[in-house]
Amino acid sequence: MKSTHITWHDSEISKEDRQNLNHHQSPVLWFTGLSGSGKSTLSVEVEKALYERGVHAYRLDGDNIRHGLNKNLGFSPEDRTENIRRIGEVAKLMNDAGLMTLTAFISPYREDRDNVRALFNEGEFIEVYTKCSLEEAESRDPKGLYKKARSGEIKGFTGVDAPYEEPNEPEIIVETDKQSLEESVQEVMDHLHRIGAISI
């Protein structure tokens, strides 16, 4: 069902006003990659680095969101698409609030990520591809999910019996199976400095 009889109400405070108050821009850092590629680990450390520089940032993590907002969604292709759509809308609100947002979701479908990108102004959506070989991600298997997928306990698992579509032109590629965590964090921070999102 679609909402009807609704009207958008503008605020008298703009996104730019909020950004000026915070002394930084509010792009969305969209971390995408295989399970075990380091999305959550990297986003946690980047959030910490931003906090230490006085940047107002908040992290949205895949599992965390499924505990609440998206707890009614499964892992079918349709539910995965809806999961990312909702996160995109939440990230858009946080962008408007002047907060820098970090999202850590497998988000395996290129079209879903592109649809989220379309919600934002040019330069406000920063796709961070945590590139990692399937072999390395599976050897890490921090949650034991690959083992369950290989045994048939989990169906439709990305990289095993469901696809992952790599980004075509991500703003940042971090090779987490070749770079240290410190190097990966620095690469993200350097990009934010380079585009003028932060100046600290």
C-alpha atoms as a PDB file:
ATOM      1  CA  MET A   1       0.000   0.000   0.000  1.00  0.00           C
ATOM      2  CA  LYS A   2       1.097   3.548  -0.687  1.00  0.00           C
ATOM      3  CA  SER A   3       0.455   6.514   1.563  1.00  0.00           C
ATOM      4  CA  THR A   4      -2.155   8.963   0.323  1.00  0.00           C
ATOM      5  CA  HIS A   5      -3.220  12.488   1.249  1.00  0.00           C
ATOM      6  CA  ILE A   6       0.228  13.442   2.479  1.00  0.00           C
ATOM      7  CA  THR A   7       2.106  16.741   2.152  1.00  0.00           C
ATOM      8  CA  TRP A   8       5.819  17.459   2.550  1.00  0.00           C
ATOM      9  CA  HIS A   9       6.508  20.115   5.217  1.00  0.00           C
ATOM     10  CA  ASP A  10       9.760  22.019   4.850  1.00  0.00           C
ATOM     11  CA  SER A  11      11.846  23.193   7.793  1.00  0.00           C
ATOM     12  CA  GLU A  12      13.193  26.705   8.082  1.00  0.00           C
ATOM     13  CA  ILE A  13      16.596  25.228   8.917  1.00  0.00           C
ATOM     14  CA  SER A  14      18.358  23.798   5.866  1.00  0.00           C
ATOM     15  CA  LYS A  15      20.808  20.958   5.511  1.00  0.00           C
ATOM     16  CA  GLU A  16      23.482  23.541   4.783  1.00  0.00           C
ATOM     17  CA  ASP A  17      22.626  25.329   8.045  1.00  0.00           C
ATOM     18  CA  ARG A  18      23.133  22.084   9.958  1.00  0.00           C
ATOM     19  CA  GLN A  19      26.371  21.321   8.138  1.00  0.00           C
ATOM     20  CA  ASN A  20      27.681  24.811   8.936  1.00  0.00           C
ATOM     21  CA  LEU A  21      26.790  24.293  12.584  1.00  0.00           C
ATOM     22  CA  ASN A  22      28.725  21.022  12.606  1.00  0.00           C
ATOM     23  CA  HIS A  23      31.638  22.408  10.552  1.00  0.00           C
ATOM     24  CA  HIS A  24      31.608  19.476   8.132  1.00  0.00           C
ATOM     25  CA  GLN A  25      29.592  18.046   5.272  1.00  0.00           C
ATOM     26  CA  SER A  26      27.266  15.071   5.684  1.00  0.00           C
ATOM     27  CA  PRO A  27      27.988  12.489   3.005  1.00  0.00           C
ATOM     28  CA  VAL A  28      27.013   8.839   3.269  1.00  0.00           C
ATOM     29  CA  LEU A  29      29.867   6.338   3.347  1.00  0.00           C
ATOM     30  CA  TRP A  30      28.338   3.147   1.942  1.00  0.00           C
ATOM     31  CA  PHE A  31      30.563   0.171   2.839  1.00  0.00           C
ATOM     32  CA  THR A  32      29.737  -2.830   0.641  1.00  0.00           C
ATOM     33  CA  GLY A  33      31.383  -6.214   0.229  1.00  0.00           C
ATOM     34  CA  LEU A  34      31.158  -9.892   1.024  1.00  0.00           C
ATOM     35  CA  SER A  35      30.368 -11.148   4.495  1.00  0.00           C
ATOM     36  CA  GLY A  36      33.698 -11.202   6.328  1.00  0.00           C
ATOM     37  CA  SER A  37      35.291  -8.626   4.009  1.00  0.00           C
ATOM     38  CA  GLY A  38      35.721  -6.142   6.854  1.00  0.00           C
ATOM     39  CA  LYS A  39      32.818  -3.718   6.348  1.00  0.00           C
ATOM     40  CA  SER A  40      31.780  -3.540   9.980  1.00  0.00           C
ATOM     41  CA  THR A  41      35.328  -3.583  11.342  1.00  0.00           C
ATOM     42  CA  LEU A  42      36.424  -0.782   9.039  1.00  0.00           C
ATOM     43  CA  SER A  43      33.298   1.328   9.565  1.00  0.00           C
ATOM     44  CA  VAL A  44      33.730   1.088  13.348  1.00  0.00           C
ATOM     45  CA  GLU A  45      37.298   2.361  13.112  1.00  0.00           C
ATOM     46  CA  VAL A  46      36.420   5.132  10.667  1.00  0.00           C
ATOM     47  CA  GLU A  47      33.590   6.269  12.945  1.00  0.00           C
ATOM     48  CA  LYS A  48      36.069   6.372  15.819  1.00  0.00           C
ATOM     49  CA  ALA A  49      38.565   8.387  13.754  1.00  0.00           C
ATOM     50  CA  LEU A  50      35.835  10.851  12.795  1.00  0.00           C
ATOM     51  CA  TYR A  51      34.692  11.180  16.415  1.00  0.00           C
ATOM     52  CA  GLU A  52      38.250  11.947  17.521  1.00  0.00           C
ATOM     53  CA  ARG A  53      38.243  14.813  15.004  1.00  0.00           C
ATOM     54  CA  GLY A  54      34.958  16.223  16.274  1.00  0.00           C
ATOM     55  CA  VAL A  55      32.905  14.989  13.310  1.00  0.00           C
ATOM     56  CA  HIS A  56      29.270  14.165  14.025  1.00  0.00           C
ATOM     57  CA  ALA A  57      28.884  10.686  12.530  1.00  0.00           C
ATOM     58  CA  TYR A  58      26.683   7.650  13.063  1.00  0.00           C
ATOM     59  CA  ARG A  59      27.090   4.068  11.885  1.00  0.00           C
ATOM     60  CA  LEU A  60      24.269   1.882  10.557  1.00  0.00           C
ATOM     61  CA  ASP A  61      25.229  -1.802  10.614  1.00  0.00           C
ATOM     62  CA  GLY A  62      23.419  -4.594   8.779  1.00  0.00           C
ATOM     63  CA  ASP A  63      22.830  -6.926  11.716  1.00  0.00           C
ATOM     64  CA  ASN A  64      21.965  -4.059  14.060  1.00  0.00           C
ATOM     65  CA  ILE A  65      19.275  -2.723  11.729  1.00  0.00           C
ATOM     66  CA  ARG A  66      17.746  -6.184  11.377  1.00  0.00           C
ATOM     67  CA  HIS A  67      17.262  -6.263  15.146  1.00  0.00           C
ATOM     68  CA  GLY A  68      14.761  -3.408  14.895  1.00  0.00           C
ATOM     69  CA  LEU A  69      13.778  -1.400  11.842  1.00  0.00           C
ATOM     70  CA  ASN A  70      14.106  -4.315   9.416  1.00  0.00           C
ATOM     71  CA  LYS A  71      13.405  -7.272  11.702  1.00  0.00           C
ATOM     72  CA  ASN A  72      10.450  -8.273   9.510  1.00  0.00           C
ATOM     73  CA  LEU A  73      12.694  -8.840   6.471  1.00  0.00           C
ATOM     74  CA  GLY A  74      14.387 -12.056   5.423  1.00  0.00           C
ATOM     75  CA  PHE A  75      17.111 -12.650   2.863  1.00  0.00           C
ATOM     76  CA  SER A  76      15.187 -13.257  -0.323  1.00  0.00           C
ATOM     77  CA  PRO A  77      16.200 -11.005  -3.250  1.00  0.00           C
ATOM     78  CA  GLU A  78      13.012  -8.979  -2.686  1.00  0.00           C
ATOM     79  CA  ASP A  79      13.669  -8.577   1.040  1.00  0.00           C
ATOM     80  CA  ARG A  80      17.304  -7.656   0.418  1.00  0.00           C
ATOM     81  CA  THR A  81      16.145  -4.925  -1.955  1.00  0.00           C
ATOM     82  CA  GLU A  82      13.642  -3.590   0.590  1.00  0.00           C
ATOM     83  CA  ASN A  83      16.277  -3.741   3.320  1.00  0.00           C
ATOM     84  CA  ILE A  84      18.601  -1.507   1.294  1.00  0.00           C
ATOM     85  CA  ARG A  85      15.770   0.802   0.221  1.00  0.00           C
ATOM     86  CA  ARG A  86      14.849   1.479   3.845  1.00  0.00           C
ATOM     87  CA  ILE A  87      18.453   2.045   4.858  1.00  0.00           C
ATOM     88  CA  GLY A  88      18.853   4.465   1.969  1.00  0.00           C
ATOM     89  CA  GLU A  89      15.888   6.479   3.194  1.00  0.00           C
ATOM     90  CA  VAL A  90      17.243   6.531   6.764  1.00  0.00           C
ATOM     91  CA  ALA A  91      20.654   7.617   5.474  1.00  0.00           C
ATOM     92  CA  LYS A  92      18.984  10.379   3.476  1.00  0.00           C
ATOM     93  CA  LEU A  93      17.329  11.708   6.651  1.00  0.00           C
ATOM     94  CA  MET A  94      20.654  11.647   8.480  1.00  0.00           C
ATOM     95  CA  ASN A  95      22.305  13.404   5.543  1.00  0.00           C
ATOM     96  CA  ASP A  96      19.675  16.139   5.785  1.00  0.00           C
ATOM     97  CA  ALA A  97      20.258  16.324   9.551  1.00  0.00           C
ATOM     98  CA  GLY A  98      23.889  17.212   8.866  1.00  0.00           C
ATOM     99  CA  LEU A  99      25.320  13.941  10.186  1.00  0.00           C
ATOM    100  CA  MET A 100      27.930  11.908   8.382  1.00  0.00           C
ATOM    101  CA  THR A 101      26.527   8.400   7.985  1.00  0.00           C
ATOM    102  CA  LEU A 102      28.461   5.163   7.698  1.00  0.00           C
ATOM    103  CA  THR A 103      26.550   2.102   6.525  1.00  0.00           C
ATOM    104  CA  ALA A 104      27.903  -1.456   6.583  1.00  0.00           C
ATOM    105  CA  PHE A 105      25.699  -3.738   4.477  1.00  0.00           C
ATOM    106  CA  ILE A 106      26.591  -6.488   2.044  1.00  0.00           C
ATOM    107  CA  SER A 107      24.077  -4.847  -0.339  1.00  0.00           C
ATOM    108  CA  PRO A 108      24.905  -7.435  -3.020  1.00  0.00           C
ATOM    109  CA  TYR A 109      22.891  -5.972  -5.893  1.00  0.00           C
ATOM    110  CA  ARG A 110      24.354  -3.136  -7.928  1.00  0.00           C
ATOM    111  CA  GLU A 111      20.918  -1.804  -8.856  1.00  0.00           C
ATOM    112  CA  ASP A 112      19.929  -1.467  -5.189  1.00  0.00           C
ATOM    113  CA  ARG A 113      23.086   0.515  -4.422  1.00  0.00           C
ATOM    114  CA  ASP A 114      22.573   2.699  -7.486  1.00  0.00           C
ATOM    115  CA  ASN A 115      18.986   3.395  -6.382  1.00  0.00           C
ATOM    116  CA  VAL A 116      20.294   4.618  -3.033  1.00  0.00           C
ATOM    117  CA  ARG A 117      22.926   6.745  -4.751  1.00  0.00           C
ATOM    118  CA  ALA A 118      20.146   8.419  -6.736  1.00  0.00           C
ATOM    119  CA  LEU A 119      18.634   9.735  -3.476  1.00  0.00           C
ATOM    120  CA  PHE A 120      21.618  12.027  -2.891  1.00  0.00           C
ATOM    121  CA  ASN A 121      23.196  15.057  -4.494  1.00  0.00           C
ATOM    122  CA  GLU A 122      26.354  14.609  -6.530  1.00  0.00           C
ATOM    123  CA  GLY A 123      29.264  13.730  -4.259  1.00  0.00           C
ATOM    124  CA  GLU A 124      27.165  12.931  -1.199  1.00  0.00           C
ATOM    125  CA  PHE A 125      27.146   9.149  -1.724  1.00  0.00           C
ATOM    126  CA  ILE A 126      30.568   7.574  -1.282  1.00  0.00           C
ATOM    127  CA  GLU A 127      30.665   3.907  -2.170  1.00  0.00           C
ATOM    128  CA  VAL A 128      33.422   2.111  -0.252  1.00  0.00           C
ATOM    129  CA  TYR A 129      34.122  -1.319  -1.698  1.00  0.00           C
ATOM    130  CA  THR A 130      35.762  -3.549   0.908  1.00  0.00           C
ATOM    131  CA  LYS A 131      37.359  -5.776  -1.692  1.00  0.00           C
ATOM    132  CA  CYS A 132      38.339  -9.187  -0.420  1.00  0.00           C
ATOM    133  CA  SER A 133      38.651 -12.568  -2.082  1.00  0.00           C
ATOM    134  CA  LEU A 134      35.937 -15.079  -1.278  1.00  0.00           C
ATOM    135  CA  GLU A 135      38.627 -17.466  -0.059  1.00  0.00           C
ATOM    136  CA  GLU A 136      39.947 -14.929   2.459  1.00  0.00           C
ATOM    137  CA  ALA A 137      36.476 -13.858   3.616  1.00  0.00           C
ATOM    138  CA  GLU A 138      35.487 -17.483   4.083  1.00  0.00           C
ATOM    139  CA  SER A 139      38.681 -18.280   5.974  1.00  0.00           C
ATOM    140  CA  ARG A 140      37.868 -15.458   8.394  1.00  0.00           C
ATOM    141  CA  ASP A 141      34.194 -16.462   8.749  1.00  0.00           C
ATOM    142  CA  PRO A 142      33.792 -14.386  11.943  1.00  0.00           C
ATOM    143  CA  LYS A 143      30.155 -15.419  12.464  1.00  0.00           C
ATOM    144  CA  GLY A 144      30.456 -18.986  11.194  1.00  0.00           C
ATOM    145  CA  LEU A 145      28.024 -18.189   8.382  1.00  0.00           C
ATOM    146  CA  TYR A 146      30.055 -19.603   5.498  1.00  0.00           C
ATOM    147  CA  LYS A 147      30.331 -22.923   7.313  1.00  0.00           C
ATOM    148  CA  LYS A 148      26.555 -22.991   7.788  1.00  0.00           C
ATOM    149  CA  ALA A 149      26.002 -22.013   4.151  1.00  0.00           C
ATOM    150  CA  ARG A 150      28.343 -24.734   2.893  1.00  0.00           C
ATOM    151  CA  SER A 151      26.533 -27.317   5.012  1.00  0.00           C
ATOM    152  CA  GLY A 152      23.150 -26.203   3.658  1.00  0.00           C
ATOM    153  CA  GLU A 153      21.944 -24.774   6.974  1.00  0.00           C
ATOM    154  CA  ILE A 154      21.718 -21.298   5.416  1.00  0.00           C
ATOM    155  CA  LYS A 155      20.230 -20.876   1.952  1.00  0.00           C
ATOM    156  CA  GLY A 156      20.746 -17.914  -0.390  1.00  0.00           C
ATOM    157  CA  PHE A 157      24.042 -16.854   1.188  1.00  0.00           C
ATOM    158  CA  THR A 158      25.989 -14.209  -0.713  1.00  0.00           C
ATOM    159  CA  GLY A 159      29.107 -15.613  -2.328  1.00  0.00           C
ATOM    160  CA  VAL A 160      28.017 -19.228  -1.896  1.00  0.00           C
ATOM    161  CA  ASP A 161      24.627 -19.733  -3.533  1.00  0.00           C
ATOM    162  CA  ALA A 162      23.617 -16.090  -4.065  1.00  0.00           C
ATOM    163  CA  PRO A 163      25.470 -13.480  -6.116  1.00  0.00           C
ATOM    164  CA  TYR A 164      27.524 -10.463  -5.127  1.00  0.00           C
ATOM    165  CA  GLU A 165      27.756  -7.799  -7.829  1.00  0.00           C
ATOM    166  CA  GLU A 166      30.934  -5.767  -7.443  1.00  0.00           C
ATOM    167  CA  PRO A 167      30.666  -1.982  -7.780  1.00  0.00           C
ATOM    168  CA  ASN A 168      31.545  -0.668 -11.222  1.00  0.00           C
ATOM    169  CA  GLU A 169      33.025   2.664 -10.147  1.00  0.00           C
ATOM    170  CA  PRO A 170      33.204   2.953  -6.352  1.00  0.00           C
ATOM    171  CA  GLU A 171      34.662   6.135  -4.936  1.00  0.00           C
ATOM    172  CA  ILE A 172      36.983   4.102  -2.695  1.00  0.00           C
ATOM    173  CA  ILE A 173      38.355   0.573  -3.015  1.00  0.00           C
ATOM    174  CA  VAL A 174      39.916  -0.840   0.127  1.00  0.00           C
ATOM    175  CA  GLU A 175      41.598  -4.205  -0.350  1.00  0.00           C
ATOM    176  CA  THR A 176      41.115  -5.600   3.115  1.00  0.00           C
ATOM    177  CA  ASP A 177      42.951  -8.833   2.310  1.00  0.00           C
ATOM    178  CA  LYS A 178      46.070  -6.846   1.380  1.00  0.00           C
ATOM    179  CA  GLN A 179      45.934  -3.646   3.468  1.00  0.00           C
ATOM    180  CA  SER A 180      46.144  -3.307   7.226  1.00  0.00           C
ATOM    181  CA  LEU A 181      43.187  -1.895   9.117  1.00  0.00           C
ATOM    182  CA  GLU A 182      45.169   1.267   9.834  1.00  0.00           C
ATOM    183  CA  GLU A 183      45.965   1.728   6.139  1.00  0.00           C
ATOM    184  CA  SER A 184      42.326   1.161   5.223  1.00  0.00           C
ATOM    185  CA  VAL A 185      41.097   3.754   7.717  1.00  0.00           C
ATOM    186  CA  GLN A 186      43.651   6.258   6.467  1.00  0.00           C
ATOM    187  CA  GLU A 187      42.554   5.706   2.877  1.00  0.00           C
ATOM    188  CA  VAL A 188      38.962   6.580   3.766  1.00  0.00           C
ATOM    189  CA  MET A 189      39.989   9.599   5.837  1.00  0.00           C
ATOM    190  CA  ASP A 190      42.276  10.851   3.062  1.00  0.00           C
ATOM    191  CA  HIS A 191      39.377  10.688   0.611  1.00  0.00           C
ATOM    192  CA  LEU A 192      37.136  12.699   2.941  1.00  0.00           C
ATOM    193  CA  HIS A 193      39.840  15.359   3.251  1.00  0.00           C
ATOM    194  CA  ARG A 194      40.436  15.379  -0.479  1.00  0.00           C
ATOM    195  CA  ILE A 195      36.785  16.076  -1.346  1.00  0.00           C
ATOM    196  CA  GLY A 196      36.453  18.671   1.416  1.00  0.00           C
ATOM    197  CA  ALA A 197      33.933  16.729   3.494  1.00  0.00           C
ATOM    198  CA  ILE A 198      36.062  17.290   6.572  1.00  0.00           C
ATOM    199  CA  SER A 199      38.778  19.841   7.218  1.00  0.00           C
ATOM    200  CA  ILE A 200      40.094  18.713  10.580  1.00  0.00           C
END
